Amino acid sequence: MSSPQADDDHGRVIRLRPRMGRMRASHWRNPPIDDSAWHDSPVPDLAKYECPESDGEYRHRMMLNAIAFVFTSLFVLAGVWLATHMMVHA
């Protein structure tokens, strides 16, 4: 026989509601694309700090992404080789 305490430990579901305040559920699932609806932001507009990205910056960023991808791939391959080497010689 199971005790009532054991039954209480399993099967409890806590329903969590979003903390959106006045916002309806439809807006919570599909936020509006237009940012003009949100005027009460505590952060000032950061558009004055944005600058258009040049081709040189884009090329540099993509080159660094490629280098990071190669480094990560080599790191993974070294880990697989090490695990295989340990398994064979164990």
C-alpha atoms as a PDB file:
ATOM      1  CA  MET A   1       0.000   0.000   0.000  1.00  0.00           C
ATOM      2  CA  SER A   2       1.213   3.507  -0.686  1.00  0.00           C
ATOM      3  CA  SER A   3       1.007   6.230   1.865  1.00  0.00           C
ATOM      4  CA  PRO A   4      -0.713   9.564   1.186  1.00  0.00           C
ATOM      5  CA  GLN A   5       2.683  11.254   1.521  1.00  0.00           C
ATOM      6  CA  ALA A   6       4.063   9.202  -1.397  1.00  0.00           C
ATOM      7  CA  ASP A   7       1.053  10.125  -3.556  1.00  0.00           C
ATOM      8  CA  ASP A   8       1.592  13.824  -2.813  1.00  0.00           C
ATOM      9  CA  ASP A   9       5.213  13.696  -3.983  1.00  0.00           C
ATOM     10  CA  HIS A  10       4.289  12.671  -7.507  1.00  0.00           C
ATOM     11  CA  GLY A  11       1.804  14.186  -9.891  1.00  0.00           C
ATOM     12  CA  ARG A  12       1.831  17.789  -8.743  1.00  0.00           C
ATOM     13  CA  VAL A  13       1.652  20.264 -11.592  1.00  0.00           C
ATOM     14  CA  ILE A  14       2.457  23.905 -11.025  1.00  0.00           C
ATOM     15  CA  ARG A  15       1.047  26.193 -13.667  1.00  0.00           C
ATOM     16  CA  LEU A  16       3.342  29.124 -14.402  1.00  0.00           C
ATOM     17  CA  ARG A  17       1.910  32.283 -15.870  1.00  0.00           C
ATOM     18  CA  PRO A  18       4.000  34.830 -17.804  1.00  0.00           C
ATOM     19  CA  ARG A  19       4.787  38.077 -15.981  1.00  0.00           C
ATOM     20  CA  MET A  20       3.547  40.322 -18.733  1.00  0.00           C
ATOM     21  CA  GLY A  21       1.102  42.361 -16.670  1.00  0.00           C
ATOM     22  CA  ARG A  22      -1.427  44.028 -18.962  1.00  0.00           C
ATOM     23  CA  MET A  23      -0.345  42.154 -22.060  1.00  0.00           C
ATOM     24  CA  ARG A  24      -2.754  39.609 -23.496  1.00  0.00           C
ATOM     25  CA  ALA A  25      -1.695  36.036 -24.194  1.00  0.00           C
ATOM     26  CA  SER A  26      -1.825  36.547 -27.974  1.00  0.00           C
ATOM     27  CA  HIS A  27       0.758  39.342 -27.726  1.00  0.00           C
ATOM     28  CA  TRP A  28       2.896  37.191 -25.463  1.00  0.00           C
ATOM     29  CA  ARG A  29       3.055  34.395 -28.044  1.00  0.00           C
ATOM     30  CA  ASN A  30       3.427  36.679 -31.071  1.00  0.00           C
ATOM     31  CA  PRO A  31       5.078  39.952 -30.052  1.00  0.00           C
ATOM     32  CA  PRO A  32       4.442  42.899 -32.353  1.00  0.00           C
ATOM     33  CA  ILE A  33       7.151  43.670 -34.872  1.00  0.00           C
ATOM     34  CA  ASP A  34       6.689  47.417 -34.532  1.00  0.00           C
ATOM     35  CA  ASP A  35       8.732  48.743 -31.595  1.00  0.00           C
ATOM     36  CA  SER A  36       6.714  51.934 -31.366  1.00  0.00           C
ATOM     37  CA  ALA A  37       4.226  50.171 -29.076  1.00  0.00           C
ATOM     38  CA  TRP A  38       6.840  49.915 -26.315  1.00  0.00           C
ATOM     39  CA  HIS A  39       7.560  53.428 -25.063  1.00  0.00           C
ATOM     40  CA  ASP A  40       8.149  52.537 -21.418  1.00  0.00           C
ATOM     41  CA  SER A  41      11.617  51.021 -21.853  1.00  0.00           C
ATOM     42  CA  PRO A  42      14.044  51.810 -19.018  1.00  0.00           C
ATOM     43  CA  VAL A  43      16.919  51.809 -21.536  1.00  0.00           C
ATOM     44  CA  PRO A  44      17.400  54.860 -23.775  1.00  0.00           C
ATOM     45  CA  ASP A  45      17.542  54.383 -27.526  1.00  0.00           C
ATOM     46  CA  LEU A  46      20.893  52.900 -28.568  1.00  0.00           C
ATOM     47  CA  ALA A  47      20.533  53.778 -32.245  1.00  0.00           C
ATOM     48  CA  LYS A  48      22.963  56.679 -31.874  1.00  0.00           C
ATOM     49  CA  TYR A  49      25.750  54.158 -31.135  1.00  0.00           C
ATOM     50  CA  GLU A  50      25.020  51.982 -34.175  1.00  0.00           C
ATOM     51  CA  CYS A  51      27.135  52.334 -37.271  1.00  0.00           C
ATOM     52  CA  PRO A  52      26.715  50.674 -40.649  1.00  0.00           C
ATOM     53  CA  GLU A  53      28.909  47.629 -41.094  1.00  0.00           C
ATOM     54  CA  SER A  54      31.491  47.899 -43.838  1.00  0.00           C
ATOM     55  CA  ASP A  55      32.557  45.063 -46.135  1.00  0.00           C
ATOM     56  CA  GLY A  56      35.938  44.924 -44.411  1.00  0.00           C
ATOM     57  CA  GLU A  57      34.352  44.383 -40.986  1.00  0.00           C
ATOM     58  CA  TYR A  58      32.048  41.702 -42.375  1.00  0.00           C
ATOM     59  CA  ARG A  59      34.965  39.911 -44.051  1.00  0.00           C
ATOM     60  CA  HIS A  60      37.021  40.100 -40.849  1.00  0.00           C
ATOM     61  CA  ARG A  61      34.155  38.723 -38.743  1.00  0.00           C
ATOM     62  CA  MET A  62      33.570  35.856 -41.176  1.00  0.00           C
ATOM     63  CA  MET A  63      37.303  35.056 -41.201  1.00  0.00           C
ATOM     64  CA  LEU A  64      37.321  34.887 -37.404  1.00  0.00           C
ATOM     65  CA  ASN A  65      34.222  32.663 -37.503  1.00  0.00           C
ATOM     66  CA  ALA A  66      36.002  30.318 -39.923  1.00  0.00           C
ATOM     67  CA  ILE A  67      39.117  30.215 -37.727  1.00  0.00           C
ATOM     68  CA  ALA A  68      36.976  29.496 -34.659  1.00  0.00           C
ATOM     69  CA  PHE A  69      35.153  26.723 -36.542  1.00  0.00           C
ATOM     70  CA  VAL A  70      38.444  25.092 -37.608  1.00  0.00           C
ATOM     71  CA  PHE A  71      39.868  25.362 -34.073  1.00  0.00           C
ATOM     72  CA  THR A  72      36.718  23.861 -32.547  1.00  0.00           C
ATOM     73  CA  SER A  73      36.664  21.067 -35.133  1.00  0.00           C
ATOM     74  CA  LEU A  74      40.308  20.222 -34.420  1.00  0.00           C
ATOM     75  CA  PHE A  75      39.601  20.292 -30.692  1.00  0.00           C
ATOM     76  CA  VAL A  76      36.684  17.847 -31.129  1.00  0.00           C
ATOM     77  CA  LEU A  77      38.754  15.573 -33.376  1.00  0.00           C
ATOM     78  CA  ALA A  78      41.566  15.556 -30.805  1.00  0.00           C
ATOM     79  CA  GLY A  79      39.065  14.593 -28.110  1.00  0.00           C
ATOM     80  CA  VAL A  80      37.654  11.759 -30.224  1.00  0.00           C
ATOM     81  CA  TRP A  81      41.167  10.535 -31.026  1.00  0.00           C
ATOM     82  CA  LEU A  82      42.132  10.643 -27.359  1.00  0.00           C
ATOM     83  CA  ALA A  83      39.001   8.756 -26.270  1.00  0.00           C
ATOM     84  CA  THR A  84      39.554   6.132 -28.972  1.00  0.00           C
ATOM     85  CA  HIS A  85      43.244   5.824 -28.071  1.00  0.00           C
ATOM     86  CA  MET A  86      42.373   5.346 -24.386  1.00  0.00           C
ATOM     87  CA  MET A  87      39.746   2.736 -25.225  1.00  0.00           C
ATOM     88  CA  VAL A  88      42.066   0.725 -27.503  1.00  0.00           C
ATOM     89  CA  HIS A  89      45.007   0.717 -25.078  1.00  0.00           C
ATOM     90  CA  ALA A  90      43.013   0.116 -21.893  1.00  0.00           C
END
